[in-house]
Amino acid sequence: MQSLEEIVQKLESGEVPLEEAITLYKKGMELSSFCHSKLQDAEKQLISIIDRDGNEKAFDPTKGGNSNA
């Protein structure tokens, strides 16, 4: 995450030569994709719950509070 922030700061400064800017942009996109993937994995873990029998069930946060299932 820190690497991505550093890349953004360098690109926003406008003082990076074109070739370096292109390289930084590509690296930034790779890091952004990696972070997005990790966040999706974490989200999948958070929206999954285990019922009383130990079976995984999908959790729908739009249905509100705790279920008694």
N, C-alpha and C. Protein backbone atom coordinates (compact mmCIF):
# COMPACT_ATOMS: atom_id res chain seq x y z
N MET A 1 0.83 -1.18 0.00
CA MET A 1 0.00 0.00 0.00
C MET A 1 0.88 1.26 0.00
N GLN A 2 1.95 1.20 0.79
CA GLN A 2 2.86 2.35 0.84
C GLN A 2 3.50 2.59 -0.52
N SER A 3 3.86 1.51 -1.20
CA SER A 3 4.48 1.65 -2.53
C SER A 3 3.51 2.33 -3.50
N LEU A 4 2.25 1.95 -3.43
CA LEU A 4 1.24 2.54 -4.30
C LEU A 4 1.08 4.03 -4.00
N GLU A 5 1.07 4.39 -2.73
CA GLU A 5 0.96 5.80 -2.34
C GLU A 5 2.15 6.60 -2.85
N GLU A 6 3.34 6.02 -2.76
CA GLU A 6 4.54 6.70 -3.24
C GLU A 6 4.48 6.93 -4.75
N ILE A 7 4.00 5.93 -5.46
CA ILE A 7 3.87 6.05 -6.92
C ILE A 7 2.90 7.17 -7.27
N VAL A 8 1.76 7.20 -6.59
CA VAL A 8 0.76 8.24 -6.85
C VAL A 8 1.35 9.62 -6.59
N GLN A 9 2.07 9.77 -5.49
CA GLN A 9 2.69 11.07 -5.17
C GLN A 9 3.67 11.50 -6.25
N LYS A 10 4.48 10.56 -6.73
CA LYS A 10 5.46 10.89 -7.78
C LYS A 10 4.75 11.32 -9.05
N LEU A 11 3.71 10.57 -9.43
CA LEU A 11 2.99 10.90 -10.66
C LEU A 11 2.25 12.23 -10.53
N GLU A 12 1.68 12.49 -9.36
CA GLU A 12 0.95 13.74 -9.16
C GLU A 12 1.88 14.95 -9.12
N SER A 13 3.14 14.73 -8.79
CA SER A 13 4.08 15.85 -8.72
C SER A 13 4.32 16.45 -10.11
N GLY A 14 4.17 15.63 -11.14
CA GLY A 14 4.38 16.11 -12.49
C GLY A 14 5.83 16.31 -12.87
N GLU A 15 6.73 15.89 -12.00
CA GLU A 15 8.16 16.10 -12.24
C GLU A 15 8.89 14.83 -12.66
N VAL A 16 8.14 13.83 -13.07
CA VAL A 16 8.73 12.55 -13.46
C VAL A 16 8.83 12.51 -14.98
N PRO A 17 9.99 12.13 -15.51
CA PRO A 17 10.13 12.00 -16.97
C PRO A 17 9.11 11.00 -17.53
N LEU A 18 8.72 11.19 -18.77
CA LEU A 18 7.67 10.39 -19.40
C LEU A 18 7.91 8.90 -19.29
N GLU A 19 9.09 8.43 -19.63
CA GLU A 19 9.38 6.99 -19.58
C GLU A 19 9.21 6.44 -18.16
N GLU A 20 9.70 7.19 -17.18
CA GLU A 20 9.56 6.75 -15.79
C GLU A 20 8.10 6.80 -15.36
N ALA A 21 7.36 7.80 -15.83
CA ALA A 21 5.94 7.91 -15.50
C ALA A 21 5.16 6.71 -16.03
N ILE A 22 5.50 6.28 -17.22
CA ILE A 22 4.83 5.11 -17.81
C ILE A 22 5.13 3.86 -16.99
N THR A 23 6.38 3.70 -16.62
CA THR A 23 6.79 2.55 -15.80
C THR A 23 6.09 2.59 -14.44
N LEU A 24 6.06 3.76 -13.82
CA LEU A 24 5.40 3.90 -12.52
C LEU A 24 3.90 3.63 -12.63
N TYR A 25 3.29 4.12 -13.71
CA TYR A 25 1.87 3.90 -13.92
C TYR A 25 1.56 2.40 -14.02
N LYS A 26 2.36 1.68 -14.80
CA LYS A 26 2.15 0.24 -14.95
C LYS A 26 2.30 -0.47 -13.60
N LYS A 27 3.33 -0.12 -12.85
CA LYS A 27 3.55 -0.72 -11.53
C LYS A 27 2.39 -0.38 -10.60
N GLY A 28 1.93 0.86 -10.66
CA GLY A 28 0.79 1.28 -9.85
C GLY A 28 -0.47 0.50 -10.17
N MET A 29 -0.70 0.24 -11.44
CA MET A 29 -1.87 -0.55 -11.84
C MET A 29 -1.76 -1.98 -11.34
N GLU A 30 -0.56 -2.55 -11.38
CA GLU A 30 -0.35 -3.91 -10.85
C GLU A 30 -0.63 -3.95 -9.35
N LEU A 31 -0.11 -2.96 -8.63
CA LEU A 31 -0.33 -2.90 -7.18
C LEU A 31 -1.80 -2.68 -6.86
N SER A 32 -2.46 -1.83 -7.63
CA SER A 32 -3.87 -1.56 -7.43
C SER A 32 -4.70 -2.83 -7.64
N SER A 33 -4.38 -3.57 -8.67
CA SER A 33 -5.07 -4.83 -8.95
C SER A 33 -4.86 -5.83 -7.83
N PHE A 34 -3.63 -5.92 -7.33
CA PHE A 34 -3.31 -6.82 -6.22
C PHE A 34 -4.13 -6.44 -4.98
N CYS A 35 -4.16 -5.15 -4.66
CA CYS A 35 -4.91 -4.69 -3.49
C CYS A 35 -6.40 -4.97 -3.65
N HIS A 36 -6.92 -4.74 -4.84
CA HIS A 36 -8.33 -5.00 -5.11
C HIS A 36 -8.66 -6.48 -4.90
N SER A 37 -7.79 -7.34 -5.38
CA SER A 37 -7.98 -8.79 -5.22
C SER A 37 -7.98 -9.18 -3.74
N LYS A 38 -7.04 -8.63 -2.98
CA LYS A 38 -6.98 -8.92 -1.54
C LYS A 38 -8.23 -8.43 -0.83
N LEU A 39 -8.72 -7.25 -1.20
CA LEU A 39 -9.93 -6.73 -0.58
C LEU A 39 -11.15 -7.59 -0.91
N GLN A 40 -11.22 -8.08 -2.14
CA GLN A 40 -12.33 -8.96 -2.51
C GLN A 40 -12.28 -10.25 -1.70
N ASP A 41 -11.09 -10.81 -1.53
CA ASP A 41 -10.95 -12.03 -0.72
C ASP A 41 -11.39 -11.79 0.71
N ALA A 42 -10.99 -10.65 1.27
CA ALA A 42 -11.37 -10.32 2.64
C ALA A 42 -12.88 -10.14 2.75
N GLU A 43 -13.47 -9.50 1.76
CA GLU A 43 -14.92 -9.29 1.76
C GLU A 43 -15.66 -10.63 1.72
N LYS A 44 -15.18 -11.55 0.91
CA LYS A 44 -15.81 -12.88 0.84
C LYS A 44 -15.77 -13.57 2.19
N GLN A 45 -14.67 -13.42 2.91
CA GLN A 45 -14.55 -14.03 4.23
C GLN A 45 -15.50 -13.37 5.22
N LEU A 46 -15.66 -12.07 5.12
CA LEU A 46 -16.50 -11.35 6.06
C LEU A 46 -17.99 -11.61 5.85
N ILE A 47 -18.40 -11.89 4.62
CA ILE A 47 -19.82 -12.08 4.37
C ILE A 47 -20.23 -13.54 4.44
N SER A 48 -19.35 -14.38 4.90
CA SER A 48 -19.65 -15.79 5.07
C SER A 48 -19.78 -16.08 6.56
N ILE A 49 -20.81 -16.81 6.92
CA ILE A 49 -20.99 -17.18 8.32
C ILE A 49 -21.16 -18.69 8.43
N ILE A 50 -21.03 -19.18 9.61
CA ILE A 50 -21.18 -20.61 9.87
C ILE A 50 -22.44 -20.81 10.70
N ASP A 51 -23.32 -21.74 10.27
CA ASP A 51 -24.52 -21.99 11.04
C ASP A 51 -24.24 -22.93 12.20
N ARG A 52 -25.25 -23.24 12.98
CA ARG A 52 -25.07 -24.06 14.17
C ARG A 52 -24.54 -25.46 13.87
N ASP A 53 -24.79 -25.96 12.67
CA ASP A 53 -24.33 -27.29 12.29
C ASP A 53 -22.93 -27.27 11.69
N GLY A 54 -22.31 -26.10 11.65
CA GLY A 54 -20.97 -25.99 11.09
C GLY A 54 -20.94 -25.81 9.59
N ASN A 55 -22.09 -25.56 8.99
CA ASN A 55 -22.16 -25.35 7.54
C ASN A 55 -22.01 -23.87 7.22
N GLU A 56 -21.27 -23.61 6.16
CA GLU A 56 -21.09 -22.23 5.73
C GLU A 56 -22.35 -21.74 5.05
N LYS A 57 -22.78 -20.55 5.42
CA LYS A 57 -23.96 -19.95 4.81
C LYS A 57 -23.61 -18.54 4.36
N ALA A 58 -24.24 -18.13 3.29
CA ALA A 58 -24.04 -16.76 2.82
C ALA A 58 -24.71 -15.80 3.79
N PHE A 59 -24.06 -14.70 4.07
CA PHE A 59 -24.62 -13.68 4.95
C PHE A 59 -25.06 -12.51 4.09
N ASP A 60 -26.30 -12.09 4.27
CA ASP A 60 -26.82 -10.95 3.52
C ASP A 60 -26.93 -9.77 4.48
N PRO A 61 -26.00 -8.82 4.40
CA PRO A 61 -26.02 -7.69 5.34
C PRO A 61 -27.25 -6.81 5.19
N THR A 62 -27.99 -6.94 4.08
CA THR A 62 -29.18 -6.12 3.88
C THR A 62 -30.36 -6.64 4.69
N LYS A 63 -30.26 -7.85 5.24
CA LYS A 63 -31.35 -8.42 6.02
C LYS A 63 -31.26 -8.05 7.49
N GLY A 64 -30.27 -7.26 7.85
CA GLY A 64 -30.16 -6.73 9.20
C GLY A 64 -29.66 -7.72 10.21
N GLY A 65 -29.70 -7.34 11.47
CA GLY A 65 -29.25 -8.03 12.66
C GLY A 65 -28.90 -9.50 12.60
N ASN A 66 -28.78 -10.09 13.75
CA ASN A 66 -28.42 -11.50 13.88
C ASN A 66 -29.62 -12.37 13.56
N SER A 67 -29.38 -13.46 12.86
CA SER A 67 -30.46 -14.41 12.60
C SER A 67 -30.39 -15.51 13.64
N ASN A 68 -31.49 -16.15 13.87
CA ASN A 68 -31.55 -17.24 14.83
C ASN A 68 -31.48 -18.59 14.15
N ALA A 69 -30.99 -18.65 12.93
CA ALA A 69 -30.93 -19.89 12.16
C ALA A 69 -29.96 -20.88 12.73
